[in-house]
Amino acid sequence: MQRLKNDVTEEVLTEKRVADILGVAVSTVKEYRKRGLLRSYRPVKAVYIFYADLVDFIVSNENINTAIGGITNAKE
């Protein structure tokens, strides 16, 4: 996993792209951010998530449905 993180550390993703990667709705990604589960950066109006932070999120939250009390992983 460390090698993957080193290759893409600087890549940034939109909430929409993160939602597509995770197979969830954008609102679910926003909820992950709101709960502090997924780090994000908001330099202006747009929200960006570093790929490395997404990898950390995935590794740390293998069982995300139970980890945050039943937020659905279904797309909107």
PDB file of N, CA and C in Angstrom:
ATOM      1  N   MET A   1       0.832  -1.191   0.000  1.00  0.00           N
ATOM      2  CA  MET A   1       0.000   0.000   0.000  1.00  0.00           C
ATOM      3  C   MET A   1       0.875   1.252   0.000  1.00  0.00           C
ATOM      4  N   GLN A   2       2.013   1.222   0.680  1.00  0.00           N
ATOM      5  CA  GLN A   2       2.892   2.389   0.721  1.00  0.00           C
ATOM      6  C   GLN A   2       3.355   2.771  -0.683  1.00  0.00           C
ATOM      7  N   ARG A   3       3.679   1.796  -1.510  1.00  0.00           N
ATOM      8  CA  ARG A   3       4.133   2.102  -2.867  1.00  0.00           C
ATOM      9  C   ARG A   3       3.045   2.830  -3.637  1.00  0.00           C
ATOM     10  N   LEU A   4       1.819   2.383  -3.534  1.00  0.00           N
ATOM     11  CA  LEU A   4       0.695   3.036  -4.198  1.00  0.00           C
ATOM     12  C   LEU A   4       0.577   4.479  -3.738  1.00  0.00           C
ATOM     13  N   LYS A   5       0.690   4.721  -2.452  1.00  0.00           N
ATOM     14  CA  LYS A   5       0.585   6.069  -1.920  1.00  0.00           C
ATOM     15  C   LYS A   5       1.696   6.964  -2.454  1.00  0.00           C
ATOM     16  N   ASN A   6       2.896   6.463  -2.562  1.00  0.00           N
ATOM     17  CA  ASN A   6       4.004   7.260  -3.062  1.00  0.00           C
ATOM     18  C   ASN A   6       3.822   7.651  -4.518  1.00  0.00           C
ATOM     19  N   ASP A   7       3.219   6.794  -5.316  1.00  0.00           N
ATOM     20  CA  ASP A   7       3.035   7.064  -6.740  1.00  0.00           C
ATOM     21  C   ASP A   7       2.003   8.153  -7.002  1.00  0.00           C
ATOM     22  N   VAL A   8       1.037   8.324  -6.113  1.00  0.00           N
ATOM     23  CA  VAL A   8      -0.073   9.240  -6.393  1.00  0.00           C
ATOM     24  C   VAL A   8      -0.326  10.241  -5.272  1.00  0.00           C
ATOM     25  N   THR A   9       0.649  10.491  -4.448  1.00  0.00           N
ATOM     26  CA  THR A   9       0.457  11.350  -3.279  1.00  0.00           C
ATOM     27  C   THR A   9      -0.123  12.704  -3.626  1.00  0.00           C
ATOM     28  N   GLU A  10       0.302  13.297  -4.729  1.00  0.00           N
ATOM     29  CA  GLU A  10      -0.130  14.645  -5.065  1.00  0.00           C
ATOM     30  C   GLU A  10      -1.416  14.707  -5.882  1.00  0.00           C
ATOM     31  N   GLU A  11      -1.930  13.574  -6.333  1.00  0.00           N
ATOM     32  CA  GLU A  11      -3.158  13.584  -7.124  1.00  0.00           C
ATOM     33  C   GLU A  11      -4.334  13.997  -6.247  1.00  0.00           C
ATOM     34  N   VAL A  12      -5.151  14.912  -6.741  1.00  0.00           N
ATOM     35  CA  VAL A  12      -6.336  15.307  -5.997  1.00  0.00           C
ATOM     36  C   VAL A  12      -7.577  14.864  -6.744  1.00  0.00           C
ATOM     37  N   LEU A  13      -8.608  14.558  -5.989  1.00  0.00           N
ATOM     38  CA  LEU A  13      -9.854  14.041  -6.538  1.00  0.00           C
ATOM     39  C   LEU A  13     -11.027  14.900  -6.077  1.00  0.00           C
ATOM     40  N   THR A  14     -12.033  14.999  -6.906  1.00  0.00           N
ATOM     41  CA  THR A  14     -13.262  15.681  -6.508  1.00  0.00           C
ATOM     42  C   THR A  14     -14.119  14.724  -5.687  1.00  0.00           C
ATOM     43  N   GLU A  15     -15.106  15.271  -5.001  1.00  0.00           N
ATOM     44  CA  GLU A  15     -16.032  14.415  -4.250  1.00  0.00           C
ATOM     45  C   GLU A  15     -16.729  13.435  -5.190  1.00  0.00           C
ATOM     46  N   LYS A  16     -17.068  13.883  -6.382  1.00  0.00           N
ATOM     47  CA  LYS A  16     -17.737  13.024  -7.359  1.00  0.00           C
ATOM     48  C   LYS A  16     -16.844  11.846  -7.739  1.00  0.00           C
ATOM     49  N   ARG A  17     -15.573  12.116  -7.986  1.00  0.00           N
ATOM     50  CA  ARG A  17     -14.647  11.045  -8.364  1.00  0.00           C
ATOM     51  C   ARG A  17     -14.451  10.057  -7.209  1.00  0.00           C
ATOM     52  N   VAL A  18     -14.352  10.580  -5.991  1.00  0.00           N
ATOM     53  CA  VAL A  18     -14.228   9.706  -4.814  1.00  0.00           C
ATOM     54  C   VAL A  18     -15.478   8.838  -4.682  1.00  0.00           C
ATOM     55  N   ALA A  19     -16.642   9.432  -4.874  1.00  0.00           N
ATOM     56  CA  ALA A  19     -17.892   8.668  -4.801  1.00  0.00           C
ATOM     57  C   ALA A  19     -17.897   7.552  -5.845  1.00  0.00           C
ATOM     58  N   ASP A  20     -17.438   7.856  -7.059  1.00  0.00           N
ATOM     59  CA  ASP A  20     -17.365   6.841  -8.110  1.00  0.00           C
ATOM     60  C   ASP A  20     -16.413   5.708  -7.728  1.00  0.00           C
ATOM     61  N   ILE A  21     -15.257   6.058  -7.185  1.00  0.00           N
ATOM     62  CA  ILE A  21     -14.269   5.046  -6.785  1.00  0.00           C
ATOM     63  C   ILE A  21     -14.819   4.144  -5.684  1.00  0.00           C
ATOM     64  N   LEU A  22     -15.487   4.754  -4.703  1.00  0.00           N
ATOM     65  CA  LEU A  22     -16.014   3.985  -3.574  1.00  0.00           C
ATOM     66  C   LEU A  22     -17.339   3.291  -3.901  1.00  0.00           C
ATOM     67  N   GLY A  23     -17.990   3.717  -4.983  1.00  0.00           N
ATOM     68  CA  GLY A  23     -19.292   3.140  -5.327  1.00  0.00           C
ATOM     69  C   GLY A  23     -20.398   3.623  -4.410  1.00  0.00           C
ATOM     70  N   VAL A  24     -20.282   4.880  -3.966  1.00  0.00           N
ATOM     71  CA  VAL A  24     -21.283   5.465  -3.072  1.00  0.00           C
ATOM     72  C   VAL A  24     -21.791   6.772  -3.673  1.00  0.00           C
ATOM     73  N   ALA A  25     -22.785   7.351  -3.059  1.00  0.00           N
ATOM     74  CA  ALA A  25     -23.319   8.643  -3.477  1.00  0.00           C
ATOM     75  C   ALA A  25     -22.403   9.767  -3.006  1.00  0.00           C
ATOM     76  N   VAL A  26     -22.441  10.894  -3.700  1.00  0.00           N
ATOM     77  CA  VAL A  26     -21.662  12.066  -3.293  1.00  0.00           C
ATOM     78  C   VAL A  26     -22.063  12.483  -1.879  1.00  0.00           C
ATOM     79  N   SER A  27     -23.336  12.365  -1.552  1.00  0.00           N
ATOM     80  CA  SER A  27     -23.792  12.731  -0.200  1.00  0.00           C
ATOM     81  C   SER A  27     -23.139  11.855   0.864  1.00  0.00           C
ATOM     82  N   THR A  28     -22.826  10.615   0.527  1.00  0.00           N
ATOM     83  CA  THR A  28     -22.137   9.723   1.462  1.00  0.00           C
ATOM     84  C   THR A  28     -20.710  10.195   1.679  1.00  0.00           C
ATOM     85  N   VAL A  29     -20.037  10.599   0.602  1.00  0.00           N
ATOM     86  CA  VAL A  29     -18.680  11.144   0.726  1.00  0.00           C
ATOM     87  C   VAL A  29     -18.716  12.395   1.608  1.00  0.00           C
ATOM     88  N   LYS A  30     -19.701  13.257   1.421  1.00  0.00           N
ATOM     89  CA  LYS A  30     -19.838  14.453   2.255  1.00  0.00           C
ATOM     90  C   LYS A  30     -20.033  14.076   3.717  1.00  0.00           C
ATOM     91  N   GLU A  31     -20.785  13.029   3.967  1.00  0.00           N
ATOM     92  CA  GLU A  31     -20.996  12.568   5.345  1.00  0.00           C
ATOM     93  C   GLU A  31     -19.704  12.021   5.939  1.00  0.00           C
ATOM     94  N   TYR A  32     -18.931  11.286   5.160  1.00  0.00           N
ATOM     95  CA  TYR A  32     -17.628  10.809   5.634  1.00  0.00           C
ATOM     96  C   TYR A  32     -16.753  11.994   6.026  1.00  0.00           C
ATOM     97  N   ARG A  33     -16.760  13.048   5.203  1.00  0.00           N
ATOM     98  CA  ARG A  33     -15.980  14.250   5.495  1.00  0.00           C
ATOM     99  C   ARG A  33     -16.491  14.927   6.763  1.00  0.00           C
ATOM    100  N   LYS A  34     -17.787  15.082   6.854  1.00  0.00           N
ATOM    101  CA  LYS A  34     -18.403  15.751   8.005  1.00  0.00           C
ATOM    102  C   LYS A  34     -18.053  15.039   9.315  1.00  0.00           C
ATOM    103  N   ARG A  35     -18.013  13.724   9.279  1.00  0.00           N
ATOM    104  CA  ARG A  35     -17.704  12.934  10.477  1.00  0.00           C
ATOM    105  C   ARG A  35     -16.205  12.806  10.734  1.00  0.00           C
ATOM    106  N   GLY A  36     -15.395  13.396   9.860  1.00  0.00           N
ATOM    107  CA  GLY A  36     -13.956  13.359  10.057  1.00  0.00           C
ATOM    108  C   GLY A  36     -13.303  12.054   9.642  1.00  0.00           C
ATOM    109  N   LEU A  37     -14.026  11.233   8.907  1.00  0.00           N
ATOM    110  CA  LEU A  37     -13.486   9.949   8.474  1.00  0.00           C
ATOM    111  C   LEU A  37     -12.609  10.081   7.233  1.00  0.00           C
ATOM    112  N   LEU A  38     -12.869  11.095   6.423  1.00  0.00           N
ATOM    113  CA  LEU A  38     -12.149  11.288   5.170  1.00  0.00           C
ATOM    114  C   LEU A  38     -11.645  12.724   5.112  1.00  0.00           C
ATOM    115  N   ARG A  39     -10.333  12.875   5.081  1.00  0.00           N
ATOM    116  CA  ARG A  39      -9.732  14.217   5.017  1.00  0.00           C
ATOM    117  C   ARG A  39      -9.998  14.839   3.662  1.00  0.00           C
ATOM    118  N   SER A  40     -10.206  16.155   3.661  1.00  0.00           N
ATOM    119  CA  SER A  40     -10.418  16.867   2.408  1.00  0.00           C
ATOM    120  C   SER A  40      -9.848  18.274   2.532  1.00  0.00           C
ATOM    121  N   TYR A  41      -9.749  18.931   1.410  1.00  0.00           N
ATOM    122  CA  TYR A  41      -9.174  20.275   1.347  1.00  0.00           C
ATOM    123  C   TYR A  41     -10.094  21.152   0.531  1.00  0.00           C
ATOM    124  N   ARG A  42     -10.317  22.357   1.003  1.00  0.00           N
ATOM    125  CA  ARG A  42     -11.229  23.260   0.329  1.00  0.00           C
ATOM    126  C   ARG A  42     -10.551  24.607   0.128  1.00  0.00           C
ATOM    127  N   PRO A  43      -9.691  24.714  -0.897  1.00  0.00           N
ATOM    128  CA  PRO A  43      -8.948  25.954  -1.110  1.00  0.00           C
ATOM    129  C   PRO A  43      -9.832  27.124  -1.529  1.00  0.00           C
ATOM    130  N   VAL A  44     -10.914  26.852  -2.204  1.00  0.00           N
ATOM    131  CA  VAL A  44     -11.892  27.869  -2.608  1.00  0.00           C
ATOM    132  C   VAL A  44     -13.265  27.270  -2.405  1.00  0.00           C
ATOM    133  N   LYS A  45     -14.104  27.286  -3.402  1.00  0.00           N
ATOM    134  CA  LYS A  45     -15.438  26.694  -3.258  1.00  0.00           C
ATOM    135  C   LYS A  45     -15.452  25.185  -3.494  1.00  0.00           C
ATOM    136  N   ALA A  46     -14.537  24.707  -4.298  1.00  0.00           N
ATOM    137  CA  ALA A  46     -14.485  23.274  -4.590  1.00  0.00           C
ATOM    138  C   ALA A  46     -13.852  22.516  -3.429  1.00  0.00           C
ATOM    139  N   VAL A  47     -14.200  21.244  -3.320  1.00  0.00           N
ATOM    140  CA  VAL A  47     -13.623  20.365  -2.301  1.00  0.00           C
ATOM    141  C   VAL A  47     -12.754  19.340  -3.010  1.00  0.00           C
ATOM    142  N   TYR A  48     -11.554  19.129  -2.489  1.00  0.00           N
ATOM    143  CA  TYR A  48     -10.635  18.160  -3.073  1.00  0.00           C
ATOM    144  C   TYR A  48     -10.158  17.185  -2.015  1.00  0.00           C
ATOM    145  N   ILE A  49      -9.904  15.961  -2.461  1.00  0.00           N
ATOM    146  CA  ILE A  49      -9.412  14.912  -1.580  1.00  0.00           C
ATOM    147  C   ILE A  49      -8.165  14.332  -2.231  1.00  0.00           C
ATOM    148  N   PHE A  50      -7.062  14.306  -1.496  1.00  0.00           N
ATOM    149  CA  PHE A  50      -5.851  13.707  -2.030  1.00  0.00           C
ATOM    150  C   PHE A  50      -6.042  12.203  -2.140  1.00  0.00           C
ATOM    151  N   TYR A  51      -5.541  11.637  -3.219  1.00  0.00           N
ATOM    152  CA  TYR A  51      -5.647  10.203  -3.453  1.00  0.00           C
ATOM    153  C   TYR A  51      -5.077   9.421  -2.277  1.00  0.00           C
ATOM    154  N   ALA A  52      -3.958   9.863  -1.747  1.00  0.00           N
ATOM    155  CA  ALA A  52      -3.334   9.180  -0.607  1.00  0.00           C
ATOM    156  C   ALA A  52      -4.268   9.157   0.599  1.00  0.00           C
ATOM    157  N   ASP A  53      -5.023  10.247   0.808  1.00  0.00           N
ATOM    158  CA  ASP A  53      -5.980  10.272   1.914  1.00  0.00           C
ATOM    159  C   ASP A  53      -7.138   9.319   1.653  1.00  0.00           C
ATOM    160  N   LEU A  54      -7.540   9.168   0.387  1.00  0.00           N
ATOM    161  CA  LEU A  54      -8.580   8.200   0.052  1.00  0.00           C
ATOM    162  C   LEU A  54      -8.096   6.785   0.342  1.00  0.00           C
ATOM    163  N   VAL A  55      -6.859   6.479  -0.014  1.00  0.00           N
ATOM    164  CA  VAL A  55      -6.291   5.157   0.264  1.00  0.00           C
ATOM    165  C   VAL A  55      -6.276   4.907   1.768  1.00  0.00           C
ATOM    166  N   ASP A  56      -5.846   5.886   2.558  1.00  0.00           N
ATOM    167  CA  ASP A  56      -5.855   5.746   4.017  1.00  0.00           C
ATOM    168  C   ASP A  56      -7.271   5.494   4.534  1.00  0.00           C
ATOM    169  N   PHE A  57      -8.236   6.211   3.980  1.00  0.00           N
ATOM    170  CA  PHE A  57      -9.635   6.054   4.384  1.00  0.00           C
ATOM    171  C   PHE A  57     -10.114   4.628   4.108  1.00  0.00           C
ATOM    172  N   ILE A  58      -9.824   4.131   2.910  1.00  0.00           N
ATOM    173  CA  ILE A  58     -10.264   2.786   2.542  1.00  0.00           C
ATOM    174  C   ILE A  58      -9.641   1.743   3.462  1.00  0.00           C
ATOM    175  N   VAL A  59      -8.353   1.864   3.722  1.00  0.00           N
ATOM    176  CA  VAL A  59      -7.653   0.911   4.583  1.00  0.00           C
ATOM    177  C   VAL A  59      -8.185   0.968   6.014  1.00  0.00           C
ATOM    178  N   SER A  60      -8.461   2.168   6.505  1.00  0.00           N
ATOM    179  CA  SER A  60      -8.900   2.349   7.891  1.00  0.00           C
ATOM    180  C   SER A  60     -10.369   2.027   8.114  1.00  0.00           C
ATOM    181  N   ASN A  61     -11.147   1.956   7.048  1.00  0.00           N
ATOM    182  CA  ASN A  61     -12.603   1.792   7.182  1.00  0.00           C
ATOM    183  C   ASN A  61     -13.110   0.665   6.302  1.00  0.00           C
ATOM    184  N   GLU A  62     -12.519  -0.511   6.468  1.00  0.00           N
ATOM    185  CA  GLU A  62     -12.910  -1.652   5.645  1.00  0.00           C
ATOM    186  C   GLU A  62     -14.383  -1.993   5.798  1.00  0.00           C
ATOM    187  N   ASN A  63     -14.928  -1.771   6.963  1.00  0.00           N
ATOM    188  CA  ASN A  63     -16.331  -2.099   7.224  1.00  0.00           C
ATOM    189  C   ASN A  63     -17.092  -0.812   7.510  1.00  0.00           C
ATOM    190  N   ILE A  64     -17.130   0.089   6.556  1.00  0.00           N
ATOM    191  CA  ILE A  64     -17.634   1.437   6.761  1.00  0.00           C
ATOM    192  C   ILE A  64     -19.095   1.500   7.174  1.00  0.00           C
ATOM    193  N   ASN A  65     -19.949   0.620   6.715  1.00  0.00           N
ATOM    194  CA  ASN A  65     -21.364   0.689   7.096  1.00  0.00           C
ATOM    195  C   ASN A  65     -21.560   0.614   8.598  1.00  0.00           C
ATOM    196  N   THR A  66     -20.842  -0.283   9.269  1.00  0.00           N
ATOM    197  CA  THR A  66     -20.994  -0.388  10.709  1.00  0.00           C
ATOM    198  C   THR A  66     -20.181   0.675  11.432  1.00  0.00           C
ATOM    199  N   ALA A  67     -19.130   1.162  10.806  1.00  0.00           N
ATOM    200  CA  ALA A  67     -18.267   2.146  11.455  1.00  0.00           C
ATOM    201  C   ALA A  67     -18.964   3.480  11.666  1.00  0.00           C
ATOM    202  N   ILE A  68     -19.925   3.834  10.803  1.00  0.00           N
ATOM    203  CA  ILE A  68     -20.569   5.136  10.944  1.00  0.00           C
ATOM    204  C   ILE A  68     -22.075   5.019  11.161  1.00  0.00           C
ATOM    205  N   GLY A  69     -22.516   3.896  11.598  1.00  0.00           N
ATOM    206  CA  GLY A  69     -23.911   3.772  11.995  1.00  0.00           C
ATOM    207  C   GLY A  69     -24.906   3.645  10.869  1.00  0.00           C
ATOM    208  N   GLY A  70     -24.555   2.940   9.811  1.00  0.00           N
ATOM    209  CA  GLY A  70     -25.532   2.595   8.801  1.00  0.00           C
ATOM    210  C   GLY A  70     -25.709   3.554   7.660  1.00  0.00           C
ATOM    211  N   ILE A  71     -24.773   4.422   7.386  1.00  0.00           N
ATOM    212  CA  ILE A  71     -24.893   5.254   6.183  1.00  0.00           C
ATOM    213  C   ILE A  71     -24.874   4.323   4.990  1.00  0.00           C
ATOM    214  N   THR A  72     -25.787   4.520   4.086  1.00  0.00           N
ATOM    215  CA  THR A  72     -25.886   3.627   2.944  1.00  0.00           C
ATOM    216  C   THR A  72     -24.752   3.850   1.959  1.00  0.00           C
ATOM    217  N   ASN A  73     -24.316   2.784   1.328  1.00  0.00           N
ATOM    218  CA  ASN A  73     -23.292   2.873   0.311  1.00  0.00           C
ATOM    219  C   ASN A  73     -23.898   2.891  -1.082  1.00  0.00           C
ATOM    220  N   ALA A  74     -25.213   2.956  -1.184  1.00  0.00           N
ATOM    221  CA  ALA A  74     -25.869   2.962  -2.490  1.00  0.00           C
ATOM    222  C   ALA A  74     -25.733   4.313  -3.150  1.00  0.00           C
ATOM    223  N   LYS A  75     -25.584   4.302  -4.466  1.00  0.00           N
ATOM    224  CA  LYS A  75     -25.524   5.563  -5.208  1.00  0.00           C
ATOM    225  C   LYS A  75     -26.900   6.203  -5.221  1.00  0.00           C
ATOM    226  N   GLU A  76     -26.902   7.525  -5.319  1.00  0.00           N
ATOM    227  CA  GLU A  76     -28.184   8.242  -5.374  1.00  0.00           C
ATOM    228  C   GLU A  76     -28.891   7.970  -6.676  1.00  0.00           C
TER     229      GLU A  76
END
